[in-house]
PDB file of N, CA and C in Angstrom:
ATOM      1  N   MET A   1     -17.964  27.638 261.653  1.00  0.00           N
ATOM      2  CA  MET A   1     -17.799  29.079 261.717  1.00  0.00           C
ATOM      3  C   MET A   1     -18.851  29.745 260.831  1.00  0.00           C
ATOM      4  N   ASP A   2     -19.383  30.859 261.275  1.00  0.00           N
ATOM      5  CA  ASP A   2     -20.348  31.635 260.509  1.00  0.00           C
ATOM      6  C   ASP A   2     -19.582  32.571 259.572  1.00  0.00           C
ATOM      7  N   TYR A   3     -19.360  32.119 258.335  1.00  0.00           N
ATOM      8  CA  TYR A   3     -18.575  32.908 257.391  1.00  0.00           C
ATOM      9  C   TYR A   3     -19.300  34.159 256.931  1.00  0.00           C
ATOM     10  N   PHE A   4     -20.608  34.153 256.963  1.00  0.00           N
ATOM     11  CA  PHE A   4     -21.349  35.340 256.564  1.00  0.00           C
ATOM     12  C   PHE A   4     -21.063  36.491 257.529  1.00  0.00           C
ATOM     13  N   GLN A   5     -21.070  36.199 258.815  1.00  0.00           N
ATOM     14  CA  GLN A   5     -20.756  37.230 259.800  1.00  0.00           C
ATOM     15  C   GLN A   5     -19.282  37.614 259.722  1.00  0.00           C
ATOM     16  N   ALA A   6     -18.411  36.635 259.516  1.00  0.00           N
ATOM     17  CA  ALA A   6     -16.971  36.908 259.398  1.00  0.00           C
ATOM     18  C   ALA A   6     -16.689  37.828 258.216  1.00  0.00           C
ATOM     19  N   ILE A   7     -17.353  37.593 257.099  1.00  0.00           N
ATOM     20  CA  ILE A   7     -17.158  38.434 255.914  1.00  0.00           C
ATOM     21  C   ILE A   7     -17.621  39.857 256.178  1.00  0.00           C
ATOM     22  N   LYS A   8     -18.778  40.001 256.793  1.00  0.00           N
ATOM     23  CA  LYS A   8     -19.264  41.345 257.105  1.00  0.00           C
ATOM     24  C   LYS A   8     -18.257  42.087 257.978  1.00  0.00           C
ATOM     25  N   GLU A   9     -17.656  41.377 258.914  1.00  0.00           N
ATOM     26  CA  GLU A   9     -16.677  41.992 259.813  1.00  0.00           C
ATOM     27  C   GLU A   9     -15.402  42.386 259.072  1.00  0.00           C
ATOM     28  N   VAL A  10     -14.850  41.490 258.247  1.00  0.00           N
ATOM     29  CA  VAL A  10     -13.602  41.842 257.553  1.00  0.00           C
ATOM     30  C   VAL A  10     -13.833  42.934 256.509  1.00  0.00           C
ATOM     31  N   GLU A  11     -15.003  42.963 255.899  1.00  0.00           N
ATOM     32  CA  GLU A  11     -15.291  44.050 254.962  1.00  0.00           C
ATOM     33  C   GLU A  11     -15.340  45.390 255.703  1.00  0.00           C
ATOM     34  N   LYS A  12     -15.948  45.406 256.880  1.00  0.00           N
ATOM     35  CA  LYS A  12     -15.957  46.625 257.700  1.00  0.00           C
ATOM     36  C   LYS A  12     -14.538  47.048 258.049  1.00  0.00           C
ATOM     37  N   LEU A  13     -13.732  46.075 258.469  1.00  0.00           N
ATOM     38  CA  LEU A  13     -12.345  46.358 258.839  1.00  0.00           C
ATOM     39  C   LEU A  13     -11.540  46.866 257.649  1.00  0.00           C
ATOM     40  N   ARG A  14     -11.798  46.305 256.474  1.00  0.00           N
ATOM     41  CA  ARG A  14     -11.069  46.726 255.269  1.00  0.00           C
ATOM     42  C   ARG A  14     -11.276  48.208 254.997  1.00  0.00           C
ATOM     43  N   PHE A  15     -12.521  48.655 254.995  1.00  0.00           N
ATOM     44  CA  PHE A  15     -12.783  50.052 254.672  1.00  0.00           C
ATOM     45  C   PHE A  15     -12.426  50.982 255.827  1.00  0.00           C
ATOM     46  N   LYS A  16     -12.559  50.517 257.049  1.00  0.00           N
ATOM     47  CA  LYS A  16     -12.103  51.316 258.193  1.00  0.00           C
ATOM     48  C   LYS A  16     -10.602  51.548 258.097  1.00  0.00           C
ATOM     49  N   ALA A  17      -9.845  50.522 257.752  1.00  0.00           N
ATOM     50  CA  ALA A  17      -8.391  50.656 257.620  1.00  0.00           C
ATOM     51  C   ALA A  17      -8.038  51.669 256.530  1.00  0.00           C
ATOM     52  N   LEU A  18      -8.748  51.634 255.405  1.00  0.00           N
ATOM     53  CA  LEU A  18      -8.468  52.587 254.330  1.00  0.00           C
ATOM     54  C   LEU A  18      -8.788  54.015 254.757  1.00  0.00           C
ATOM     55  N   ILE A  19      -9.927  54.218 255.394  1.00  0.00           N
ATOM     56  CA  ILE A  19     -10.309  55.561 255.832  1.00  0.00           C
ATOM     57  C   ILE A  19      -9.368  56.067 256.920  1.00  0.00           C
ATOM     58  N   ASP A  20      -8.998  55.188 257.851  1.00  0.00           N
ATOM     59  CA  ASP A  20      -8.097  55.568 258.948  1.00  0.00           C
ATOM     60  C   ASP A  20      -6.637  55.628 258.516  1.00  0.00           C
ATOM     61  N   LYS A  21      -6.367  55.262 257.264  1.00  0.00           N
ATOM     62  CA  LYS A  21      -5.005  55.210 256.732  1.00  0.00           C
ATOM     63  C   LYS A  21      -4.127  54.252 257.529  1.00  0.00           C
ATOM     64  N   ASP A  22      -4.747  53.204 258.033  1.00  0.00           N
ATOM     65  CA  ASP A  22      -4.032  52.134 258.739  1.00  0.00           C
ATOM     66  C   ASP A  22      -3.705  51.066 257.701  1.00  0.00           C
ATOM     67  N   TYR A  23      -2.694  51.360 256.907  1.00  0.00           N
ATOM     68  CA  TYR A  23      -2.399  50.512 255.757  1.00  0.00           C
ATOM     69  C   TYR A  23      -1.827  49.162 256.145  1.00  0.00           C
ATOM     70  N   GLN A  24      -1.229  49.066 257.310  1.00  0.00           N
ATOM     71  CA  GLN A  24      -0.772  47.748 257.772  1.00  0.00           C
ATOM     72  C   GLN A  24      -1.976  46.853 258.068  1.00  0.00           C
ATOM     73  N   ALA A  25      -2.996  47.423 258.681  1.00  0.00           N
ATOM     74  CA  ALA A  25      -4.216  46.647 258.948  1.00  0.00           C
ATOM     75  C   ALA A  25      -4.863  46.213 257.639  1.00  0.00           C
ATOM     76  N   PHE A  26      -4.885  47.110 256.649  1.00  0.00           N
ATOM     77  CA  PHE A  26      -5.434  46.747 255.344  1.00  0.00           C
ATOM     78  C   PHE A  26      -4.627  45.607 254.731  1.00  0.00           C
ATOM     79  N   GLN A  27      -3.308  45.738 254.745  1.00  0.00           N
ATOM     80  CA  GLN A  27      -2.449  44.708 254.152  1.00  0.00           C
ATOM     81  C   GLN A  27      -2.637  43.363 254.839  1.00  0.00           C
ATOM     82  N   ASN A  28      -2.840  43.387 256.152  1.00  0.00           N
ATOM     83  CA  ASN A  28      -3.037  42.143 256.902  1.00  0.00           C
ATOM     84  C   ASN A  28      -4.307  41.403 256.480  1.00  0.00           C
ATOM     85  N   LEU A  29      -5.258  42.116 255.890  1.00  0.00           N
ATOM     86  CA  LEU A  29      -6.499  41.496 255.416  1.00  0.00           C
ATOM     87  C   LEU A  29      -6.370  40.935 254.002  1.00  0.00           C
ATOM     88  N   CYS A  30      -5.253  41.224 253.345  1.00  0.00           N
ATOM     89  CA  CYS A  30      -5.088  40.861 251.938  1.00  0.00           C
ATOM     90  C   CYS A  30      -4.245  39.608 251.754  1.00  0.00           C
ATOM     91  N   ASP A  31      -4.590  38.872 250.725  1.00  0.00           N
ATOM     92  CA  ASP A  31      -3.794  37.731 250.298  1.00  0.00           C
ATOM     93  C   ASP A  31      -2.556  38.248 249.571  1.00  0.00           C
ATOM     94  N   GLU A  32      -1.442  37.545 249.703  1.00  0.00           N
ATOM     95  CA  GLU A  32      -0.217  37.965 249.020  1.00  0.00           C
ATOM     96  C   GLU A  32      -0.385  37.983 247.508  1.00  0.00           C
ATOM     97  N   SER A  33      -1.342  37.235 246.986  1.00  0.00           N
ATOM     98  CA  SER A  33      -1.590  37.165 245.538  1.00  0.00           C
ATOM     99  C   SER A  33      -2.738  38.077 245.105  1.00  0.00           C
ATOM    100  N   LEU A  34      -3.025  39.105 245.892  1.00  0.00           N
ATOM    101  CA  LEU A  34      -4.140  40.003 245.594  1.00  0.00           C
ATOM    102  C   LEU A  34      -4.076  40.539 244.162  1.00  0.00           C
ATOM    103  N   THR A  35      -5.220  40.505 243.492  1.00  0.00           N
ATOM    104  CA  THR A  35      -5.420  41.215 242.230  1.00  0.00           C
ATOM    105  C   THR A  35      -6.494  42.258 242.496  1.00  0.00           C
ATOM    106  N   TYR A  36      -6.131  43.526 242.346  1.00  0.00           N
ATOM    107  CA  TYR A  36      -7.032  44.630 242.652  1.00  0.00           C
ATOM    108  C   TYR A  36      -7.281  45.402 241.360  1.00  0.00           C
ATOM    109  N   ILE A  37      -8.485  45.271 240.837  1.00  0.00           N
ATOM    110  CA  ILE A  37      -8.877  45.988 239.627  1.00  0.00           C
ATOM    111  C   ILE A  37      -9.608  47.253 240.067  1.00  0.00           C
ATOM    112  N   HIS A  38      -9.301  48.352 239.411  1.00  0.00           N
ATOM    113  CA  HIS A  38      -9.947  49.626 239.724  1.00  0.00           C
ATOM    114  C   HIS A  38     -11.086  49.884 238.740  1.00  0.00           C
ATOM    115  N   SER A  39     -11.980  50.793 239.099  1.00  0.00           N
ATOM    116  CA  SER A  39     -13.107  51.101 238.216  1.00  0.00           C
ATOM    117  C   SER A  39     -12.631  51.720 236.903  1.00  0.00           C
ATOM    118  N   SER A  40     -11.402  52.210 236.872  1.00  0.00           N
ATOM    119  CA  SER A  40     -10.807  52.735 235.635  1.00  0.00           C
ATOM    120  C   SER A  40     -10.334  51.614 234.716  1.00  0.00           C
ATOM    121  N   GLY A  41     -10.278  50.392 235.248  1.00  0.00           N
ATOM    122  CA  GLY A  41      -9.747  49.261 234.495  1.00  0.00           C
ATOM    123  C   GLY A  41      -8.288  48.978 234.795  1.00  0.00           C
ATOM    124  N   LYS A  42      -7.627  49.883 235.511  1.00  0.00           N
ATOM    125  CA  LYS A  42      -6.231  49.661 235.885  1.00  0.00           C
ATOM    126  C   LYS A  42      -6.159  48.537 236.909  1.00  0.00           C
ATOM    127  N   GLN A  43      -5.014  47.889 236.963  1.00  0.00           N
ATOM    128  CA  GLN A  43      -4.849  46.719 237.827  1.00  0.00           C
ATOM    129  C   GLN A  43      -3.622  46.886 238.711  1.00  0.00           C
ATOM    130  N   ASP A  44      -3.759  46.442 239.957  1.00  0.00           N
ATOM    131  CA  ASP A  44      -2.647  46.420 240.899  1.00  0.00           C
ATOM    132  C   ASP A  44      -2.539  45.044 241.523  1.00  0.00           C
ATOM    133  N   ASN A  45      -1.338  44.733 241.978  1.00  0.00           N
ATOM    134  CA  ASN A  45      -1.140  43.594 242.869  1.00  0.00           C
ATOM    135  C   ASN A  45      -0.999  44.165 244.276  1.00  0.00           C
ATOM    136  N   LEU A  46      -0.778  43.322 245.247  1.00  0.00           N
ATOM    137  CA  LEU A  46      -0.695  43.811 246.627  1.00  0.00           C
ATOM    138  C   LEU A  46       0.421  44.834 246.780  1.00  0.00           C
ATOM    139  N   PHE A  47       1.597  44.535 246.239  1.00  0.00           N
ATOM    140  CA  PHE A  47       2.735  45.438 246.394  1.00  0.00           C
ATOM    141  C   PHE A  47       2.452  46.800 245.768  1.00  0.00           C
ATOM    142  N   SER A  48       1.973  46.827 244.529  1.00  0.00           N
ATOM    143  CA  SER A  48       1.762  48.108 243.848  1.00  0.00           C
ATOM    144  C   SER A  48       0.623  48.904 244.484  1.00  0.00           C
ATOM    145  N   TYR A  49      -0.414  48.223 244.956  1.00  0.00           N
ATOM    146  CA  TYR A  49      -1.513  48.941 245.604  1.00  0.00           C
ATOM    147  C   TYR A  49      -1.063  49.535 246.935  1.00  0.00           C
ATOM    148  N   MET A  50      -0.307  48.768 247.700  1.00  0.00           N
ATOM    149  CA  MET A  50       0.196  49.282 248.976  1.00  0.00           C
ATOM    150  C   MET A  50       1.115  50.481 248.751  1.00  0.00           C
ATOM    151  N   GLU A  51       1.932  50.415 247.724  1.00  0.00           N
ATOM    152  CA  GLU A  51       2.817  51.530 247.396  1.00  0.00           C
ATOM    153  C   GLU A  51       2.001  52.784 247.086  1.00  0.00           C
ATOM    154  N   LYS A  52       0.922  52.635 246.334  1.00  0.00           N
ATOM    155  CA  LYS A  52       0.066  53.779 246.008  1.00  0.00           C
ATOM    156  C   LYS A  52      -0.605  54.341 247.256  1.00  0.00           C
ATOM    157  N   LEU A  53      -1.047  53.476 248.150  1.00  0.00           N
ATOM    158  CA  LEU A  53      -1.651  53.965 249.393  1.00  0.00           C
ATOM    159  C   LEU A  53      -0.635  54.744 250.218  1.00  0.00           C
ATOM    160  N   HIS A  54       0.543  54.187 250.399  1.00  0.00           N
ATOM    161  CA  HIS A  54       1.579  54.857 251.201  1.00  0.00           C
ATOM    162  C   HIS A  54       2.021  56.178 250.573  1.00  0.00           C
ATOM    163  N   ASN A  55       1.999  56.263 249.248  1.00  0.00           N
ATOM    164  CA  ASN A  55       2.403  57.490 248.551  1.00  0.00           C
ATOM    165  C   ASN A  55       1.243  58.451 248.325  1.00  0.00           C
ATOM    166  N   LYS A  56       0.090  58.161 248.923  1.00  0.00           N
ATOM    167  CA  LYS A  56      -1.103  59.010 248.865  1.00  0.00           C
ATOM    168  C   LYS A  56      -1.639  59.192 247.445  1.00  0.00           C
ATOM    169  N   TYR A  57      -1.406  58.204 246.606  1.00  0.00           N
ATOM    170  CA  TYR A  57      -2.019  58.205 245.278  1.00  0.00           C
ATOM    171  C   TYR A  57      -3.533  58.081 245.438  1.00  0.00           C
ATOM    172  N   TYR A  58      -3.959  57.210 246.358  1.00  0.00           N
ATOM    173  CA  TYR A  58      -5.365  57.078 246.745  1.00  0.00           C
ATOM    174  C   TYR A  58      -5.488  57.461 248.209  1.00  0.00           C
ATOM    175  N   VAL A  59      -6.414  58.372 248.507  1.00  0.00           N
ATOM    176  CA  VAL A  59      -6.708  58.749 249.890  1.00  0.00           C
ATOM    177  C   VAL A  59      -8.224  58.664 250.058  1.00  0.00           C
ATOM    178  N   PHE A  60      -8.660  57.694 250.833  1.00  0.00           N
ATOM    179  CA  PHE A  60     -10.094  57.474 251.036  1.00  0.00           C
ATOM    180  C   PHE A  60     -10.594  58.354 252.175  1.00  0.00           C
ATOM    181  N   ASN A  61     -11.710  59.053 251.929  1.00  0.00           N
ATOM    182  CA  ASN A  61     -12.311  59.913 252.942  1.00  0.00           C
ATOM    183  C   ASN A  61     -13.604  59.336 253.503  1.00  0.00           C
ATOM    184  N   LYS A  62     -14.385  58.706 252.644  1.00  0.00           N
ATOM    185  CA  LYS A  62     -15.663  58.142 253.083  1.00  0.00           C
ATOM    186  C   LYS A  62     -16.008  56.966 252.182  1.00  0.00           C
ATOM    187  N   VAL A  63     -16.499  55.898 252.785  1.00  0.00           N
ATOM    188  CA  VAL A  63     -16.928  54.727 252.022  1.00  0.00           C
ATOM    189  C   VAL A  63     -18.241  54.221 252.607  1.00  0.00           C
ATOM    190  N   ASP A  64     -19.237  54.076 251.753  1.00  0.00           N
ATOM    191  CA  ASP A  64     -20.483  53.397 252.109  1.00  0.00           C
ATOM    192  C   ASP A  64     -20.505  52.101 251.317  1.00  0.00           C
ATOM    193  N   TYR A  65     -20.653  50.993 252.013  1.00  0.00           N
ATOM    194  CA  TYR A  65     -20.531  49.672 251.399  1.00  0.00           C
ATOM    195  C   TYR A  65     -21.725  48.846 251.828  1.00  0.00           C
ATOM    196  N   ASP A  66     -22.536  48.470 250.860  1.00  0.00           N
ATOM    197  CA  ASP A  66     -23.778  47.760 251.139  1.00  0.00           C
ATOM    198  C   ASP A  66     -23.718  46.374 250.496  1.00  0.00           C
ATOM    199  N   ILE A  67     -23.539  45.352 251.326  1.00  0.00           N
ATOM    200  CA  ILE A  67     -23.452  43.981 250.826  1.00  0.00           C
ATOM    201  C   ILE A  67     -24.835  43.533 250.366  1.00  0.00           C
ATOM    202  N   LYS A  68     -24.892  43.037 249.126  1.00  0.00           N
ATOM    203  CA  LYS A  68     -26.144  42.570 248.535  1.00  0.00           C
ATOM    204  C   LYS A  68     -26.279  41.057 248.582  1.00  0.00           C
ATOM    205  N   ASN A  69     -25.148  40.349 248.445  1.00  0.00           N
ATOM    206  CA  ASN A  69     -25.196  38.889 248.423  1.00  0.00           C
ATOM    207  C   ASN A  69     -23.827  38.334 248.789  1.00  0.00           C
ATOM    208  N   ILE A  70     -23.839  37.200 249.472  1.00  0.00           N
ATOM    209  CA  ILE A  70     -22.619  36.481 249.834  1.00  0.00           C
ATOM    210  C   ILE A  70     -22.810  35.035 249.399  1.00  0.00           C
ATOM    211  N   VAL A  71     -21.833  34.534 248.638  1.00  0.00           N
ATOM    212  CA  VAL A  71     -21.886  33.154 248.154  1.00  0.00           C
ATOM    213  C   VAL A  71     -20.643  32.439 248.655  1.00  0.00           C
ATOM    214  N   GLU A  72     -20.858  31.321 249.337  1.00  0.00           N
ATOM    215  CA  GLU A  72     -19.741  30.571 249.924  1.00  0.00           C
ATOM    216  C   GLU A  72     -19.465  29.309 249.125  1.00  0.00           C
ATOM    217  N   PHE A  73     -18.198  29.104 248.796  1.00  0.00           N
ATOM    218  CA  PHE A  73     -17.720  27.859 248.221  1.00  0.00           C
ATOM    219  C   PHE A  73     -16.783  27.225 249.244  1.00  0.00           C
ATOM    220  N   GLN A  74     -16.103  26.164 248.899  1.00  0.00           N
ATOM    221  CA  GLN A  74     -15.276  25.459 249.880  1.00  0.00           C
ATOM    222  C   GLN A  74     -14.295  26.381 250.594  1.00  0.00           C
ATOM    223  N   ASP A  75     -13.391  27.001 249.853  1.00  0.00           N
ATOM    224  CA  ASP A  75     -12.390  27.851 250.500  1.00  0.00           C
ATOM    225  C   ASP A  75     -12.459  29.288 250.008  1.00  0.00           C
ATOM    226  N   THR A  76     -13.569  29.649 249.370  1.00  0.00           N
ATOM    227  CA  THR A  76     -13.708  30.963 248.752  1.00  0.00           C
ATOM    228  C   THR A  76     -15.087  31.532 249.059  1.00  0.00           C
ATOM    229  N   ILE A  77     -15.114  32.841 249.261  1.00  0.00           N
ATOM    230  CA  ILE A  77     -16.385  33.535 249.457  1.00  0.00           C
ATOM    231  C   ILE A  77     -16.442  34.712 248.490  1.00  0.00           C
ATOM    232  N   LEU A  78     -17.546  34.801 247.761  1.00  0.00           N
ATOM    233  CA  LEU A  78     -17.791  35.914 246.851  1.00  0.00           C
ATOM    234  C   LEU A  78     -18.733  36.893 247.536  1.00  0.00           C
ATOM    235  N   VAL A  79     -18.384  38.167 247.475  1.00  0.00           N
ATOM    236  CA  VAL A  79     -19.207  39.207 248.090  1.00  0.00           C
ATOM    237  C   VAL A  79     -19.610  40.196 247.001  1.00  0.00           C
ATOM    238  N   PHE A  80     -20.906  40.299 246.771  1.00  0.00           N
ATOM    239  CA  PHE A  80     -21.459  41.240 245.803  1.00  0.00           C
ATOM    240  C   PHE A  80     -22.012  42.423 246.598  1.00  0.00           C
ATOM    241  N   ALA A  81     -21.611  43.640 246.209  1.00  0.00           N
ATOM    242  CA  ALA A  81     -21.997  44.803 247.007  1.00  0.00           C
ATOM    243  C   ALA A  81     -22.093  46.048 246.134  1.00  0.00           C
ATOM    244  N   ASP A  82     -22.720  47.073 246.709  1.00  0.00           N
ATOM    245  CA  ASP A  82     -22.709  48.415 246.129  1.00  0.00           C
ATOM    246  C   ASP A  82     -21.788  49.266 246.989  1.00  0.00           C
ATOM    247  N   LEU A  83     -20.981  50.078 246.321  1.00  0.00           N
ATOM    248  CA  LEU A  83     -20.022  50.925 247.021  1.00  0.00           C
ATOM    249  C   LEU A  83     -20.165  52.357 246.529  1.00  0.00           C
ATOM    250  N   GLU A  84     -20.216  53.279 247.469  1.00  0.00           N
ATOM    251  CA  GLU A  84     -20.106  54.704 247.171  1.00  0.00           C
ATOM    252  C   GLU A  84     -18.961  55.228 248.009  1.00  0.00           C
ATOM    253  N   ALA A  85     -18.065  55.991 247.376  1.00  0.00           N
ATOM    254  CA  ALA A  85     -16.884  56.465 248.098  1.00  0.00           C
ATOM    255  C   ALA A  85     -16.507  57.862 247.636  1.00  0.00           C
ATOM    256  N   ASN A  86     -15.972  58.627 248.582  1.00  0.00           N
ATOM    257  CA  ASN A  86     -15.337  59.908 248.296  1.00  0.00           C
ATOM    258  C   ASN A  86     -13.858  59.726 248.592  1.00  0.00           C
ATOM    259  N   LEU A  87     -13.021  60.072 247.633  1.00  0.00           N
ATOM    260  CA  LEU A  87     -11.586  59.907 247.816  1.00  0.00           C
ATOM    261  C   LEU A  87     -10.836  60.909 246.963  1.00  0.00           C
ATOM    262  N   LEU A  88      -9.546  60.953 247.185  1.00  0.00           N
ATOM    263  CA  LEU A  88      -8.648  61.712 246.333  1.00  0.00           C
ATOM    264  C   LEU A  88      -7.849  60.714 245.515  1.00  0.00           C
ATOM    265  N   VAL A  89      -7.738  60.980 244.223  1.00  0.00           N
ATOM    266  CA  VAL A  89      -6.886  60.192 243.342  1.00  0.00           C
ATOM    267  C   VAL A  89      -5.874  61.168 242.761  1.00  0.00           C
ATOM    268  N   GLN A  90      -4.629  60.982 243.102  1.00  0.00           N
ATOM    269  CA  GLN A  90      -3.565  61.918 242.734  1.00  0.00           C
ATOM    270  C   GLN A  90      -3.956  63.334 243.151  1.00  0.00           C
ATOM    271  N   GLN A  91      -4.477  63.465 244.342  1.00  0.00           N
ATOM    272  CA  GLN A  91      -4.873  64.719 244.980  1.00  0.00           C
ATOM    273  C   GLN A  91      -6.083  65.387 244.323  1.00  0.00           C
ATOM    274  N   GLN A  92      -6.777  64.689 243.439  1.00  0.00           N
ATOM    275  CA  GLN A  92      -7.981  65.224 242.801  1.00  0.00           C
ATOM    276  C   GLN A  92      -9.212  64.525 243.378  1.00  0.00           C
ATOM    277  N   PRO A  93     -10.243  65.296 243.783  1.00  0.00           N
ATOM    278  CA  PRO A  93     -11.446  64.678 244.346  1.00  0.00           C
ATOM    279  C   PRO A  93     -12.136  63.760 243.338  1.00  0.00           C
ATOM    280  N   MET A  94     -12.620  62.639 243.848  1.00  0.00           N
ATOM    281  CA  MET A  94     -13.339  61.689 243.006  1.00  0.00           C
ATOM    282  C   MET A  94     -14.451  61.059 243.830  1.00  0.00           C
ATOM    283  N   GLN A  95     -15.565  60.812 243.167  1.00  0.00           N
ATOM    284  CA  GLN A  95     -16.661  60.079 243.785  1.00  0.00           C
ATOM    285  C   GLN A  95     -16.872  58.802 242.997  1.00  0.00           C
ATOM    286  N   LEU A  96     -16.990  57.709 243.713  1.00  0.00           N
ATOM    287  CA  LEU A  96     -17.235  56.417 243.089  1.00  0.00           C
ATOM    288  C   LEU A  96     -18.637  55.941 243.429  1.00  0.00           C
ATOM    289  N   LYS A  97     -19.261  55.329 242.458  1.00  0.00           N
ATOM    290  CA  LYS A  97     -20.538  54.644 242.676  1.00  0.00           C
ATOM    291  C   LYS A  97     -20.435  53.364 241.861  1.00  0.00           C
ATOM    292  N   ASN A  98     -20.153  52.256 242.541  1.00  0.00           N
ATOM    293  CA  ASN A  98     -19.823  51.002 241.872  1.00  0.00           C
ATOM    294  C   ASN A  98     -20.635  49.830 242.390  1.00  0.00           C
ATOM    295  N   ARG A  99     -20.787  48.842 241.532  1.00  0.00           N
ATOM    296  CA  ARG A  99     -21.164  47.489 241.942  1.00  0.00           C
ATOM    297  C   ARG A  99     -19.848  46.746 242.050  1.00  0.00           C
ATOM    298  N   THR A 100     -19.682  45.964 243.085  1.00  0.00           N
ATOM    299  CA  THR A 100     -18.382  45.344 243.312  1.00  0.00           C
ATOM    300  C   THR A 100     -18.495  43.843 243.535  1.00  0.00           C
ATOM    301  N   LEU A 101     -17.406  43.182 243.209  1.00  0.00           N
ATOM    302  CA  LEU A 101     -17.227  41.771 243.529  1.00  0.00           C
ATOM    303  C   LEU A 101     -15.913  41.649 244.279  1.00  0.00           C
ATOM    304  N   SER A 102     -15.985  41.161 245.503  1.00  0.00           N
ATOM    305  CA  SER A 102     -14.795  40.881 246.305  1.00  0.00           C
ATOM    306  C   SER A 102     -14.692  39.376 246.474  1.00  0.00           C
ATOM    307  N   VAL A 103     -13.496  38.862 246.286  1.00  0.00           N
ATOM    308  CA  VAL A 103     -13.242  37.434 246.436  1.00  0.00           C
ATOM    309  C   VAL A 103     -12.341  37.259 247.653  1.00  0.00           C
ATOM    310  N   TRP A 104     -12.852  36.542 248.639  1.00  0.00           N
ATOM    311  CA  TRP A 104     -12.119  36.285 249.879  1.00  0.00           C
ATOM    312  C   TRP A 104     -11.760  34.809 249.956  1.00  0.00           C
ATOM    313  N   ARG A 105     -10.551  34.533 250.424  1.00  0.00           N
ATOM    314  CA  ARG A 105     -10.101  33.154 250.636  1.00  0.00           C
ATOM    315  C   ARG A 105     -10.130  32.844 252.121  1.00  0.00           C
ATOM    316  N   LYS A 106     -10.568  31.651 252.441  1.00  0.00           N
ATOM    317  CA  LYS A 106     -10.491  31.163 253.817  1.00  0.00           C
ATOM    318  C   LYS A 106      -9.088  30.582 254.002  1.00  0.00           C
ATOM    319  N   THR A 107      -8.354  31.073 254.985  1.00  0.00           N
ATOM    320  CA  THR A 107      -7.013  30.564 255.253  1.00  0.00           C
ATOM    321  C   THR A 107      -6.907  30.188 256.724  1.00  0.00           C
ATOM    322  N   ILE A 108      -5.825  29.539 257.083  1.00  0.00           N
ATOM    323  CA  ILE A 108      -5.625  29.200 258.496  1.00  0.00           C
ATOM    324  C   ILE A 108      -5.426  30.457 259.334  1.00  0.00           C
ATOM    325  N   ASN A 109      -5.095  31.575 258.681  1.00  0.00           N
ATOM    326  CA  ASN A 109      -4.913  32.848 259.377  1.00  0.00           C
ATOM    327  C   ASN A 109      -6.138  33.749 259.284  1.00  0.00           C
ATOM    328  N   GLY A 110      -7.253  33.212 258.815  1.00  0.00           N
ATOM    329  CA  GLY A 110      -8.472  34.004 258.694  1.00  0.00           C
ATOM    330  C   GLY A 110      -8.794  34.315 257.245  1.00  0.00           C
ATOM    331  N   MET A 111      -9.733  35.208 257.049  1.00  0.00           N
ATOM    332  CA  MET A 111     -10.170  35.597 255.711  1.00  0.00           C
ATOM    333  C   MET A 111      -9.148  36.546 255.098  1.00  0.00           C
ATOM    334  N   ARG A 112      -8.861  36.342 253.792  1.00  0.00           N
ATOM    335  CA  ARG A 112      -7.918  37.200 253.084  1.00  0.00           C
ATOM    336  C   ARG A 112      -8.529  37.620 251.749  1.00  0.00           C
ATOM    337  N   LEU A 113      -8.442  38.929 251.468  1.00  0.00           N
ATOM    338  CA  LEU A 113      -8.949  39.464 250.207  1.00  0.00           C
ATOM    339  C   LEU A 113      -8.037  39.007 249.074  1.00  0.00           C
ATOM    340  N   PHE A 114      -8.601  38.257 248.133  1.00  0.00           N
ATOM    341  CA  PHE A 114      -7.840  37.669 247.035  1.00  0.00           C
ATOM    342  C   PHE A 114      -8.002  38.468 245.735  1.00  0.00           C
ATOM    343  N   ALA A 115      -9.193  39.022 245.520  1.00  0.00           N
ATOM    344  CA  ALA A 115      -9.440  39.796 244.298  1.00  0.00           C
ATOM    345  C   ALA A 115     -10.569  40.785 244.540  1.00  0.00           C
ATOM    346  N   TYR A 116     -10.492  41.900 243.802  1.00  0.00           N
ATOM    347  CA  TYR A 116     -11.516  42.931 243.902  1.00  0.00           C
ATOM    348  C   TYR A 116     -11.781  43.472 242.507  1.00  0.00           C
ATOM    349  N   GLN A 117     -13.071  43.585 242.143  1.00  0.00           N
ATOM    350  CA  GLN A 117     -13.460  44.059 240.813  1.00  0.00           C
ATOM    351  C   GLN A 117     -14.677  44.972 240.935  1.00  0.00           C
ATOM    352  N   PRO A 118     -14.510  46.277 240.739  1.00  0.00           N
ATOM    353  CA  PRO A 118     -15.657  47.178 240.719  1.00  0.00           C
ATOM    354  C   PRO A 118     -16.120  47.453 239.290  1.00  0.00           C
ATOM    355  N   THR A 119     -17.395  47.758 239.157  1.00  0.00           N
ATOM    356  CA  THR A 119     -17.961  48.196 237.882  1.00  0.00           C
ATOM    357  C   THR A 119     -18.757  49.464 238.156  1.00  0.00           C
ATOM    358  N   PRO A 120     -18.445  50.564 237.461  1.00  0.00           N
ATOM    359  CA  PRO A 120     -19.183  51.807 237.700  1.00  0.00           C
ATOM    360  C   PRO A 120     -20.671  51.650 237.382  1.00  0.00           C
ATOM    361  N   ILE A 121     -21.503  52.259 238.217  1.00  0.00           N
ATOM    362  CA  ILE A 121     -22.939  52.327 237.974  1.00  0.00           C
ATOM    363  C   ILE A 121     -23.188  53.617 237.205  1.00  0.00           C
ATOM    364  N   LYS A 122     -23.748  53.491 236.043  1.00  0.00           N
ATOM    365  CA  LYS A 122     -23.991  54.680 235.193  1.00  0.00           C
ATOM    366  C   LYS A 122     -25.408  55.163 235.365  1.00  0.00           C
TER     367      LYS A 122
END
């Protein structure tokens, strides 16, 4: 399987789901053990992040995601990227400009987002 192409596809689907507010599609891409770190340093697991999405704590309006490098290990893929996003956080407009690391696991059910870590670009 071409994991590089698969990763590009699931990353596209991830951000499309967030923008379209298709949170079930987003959840389906995530590992049950997801660790989601925010650029603020706050941390969520899958349950708490999904709760915030459903309660409109985070509302994504636009995301530009530029993959810079993909590194494949046996059952894990690391994705290094630049992200720019416009969103609402607690109904307040916010713009993000981050370098990101996404960790994807290869599973029998496809690729699953296992961890996400952004770092603000100053």
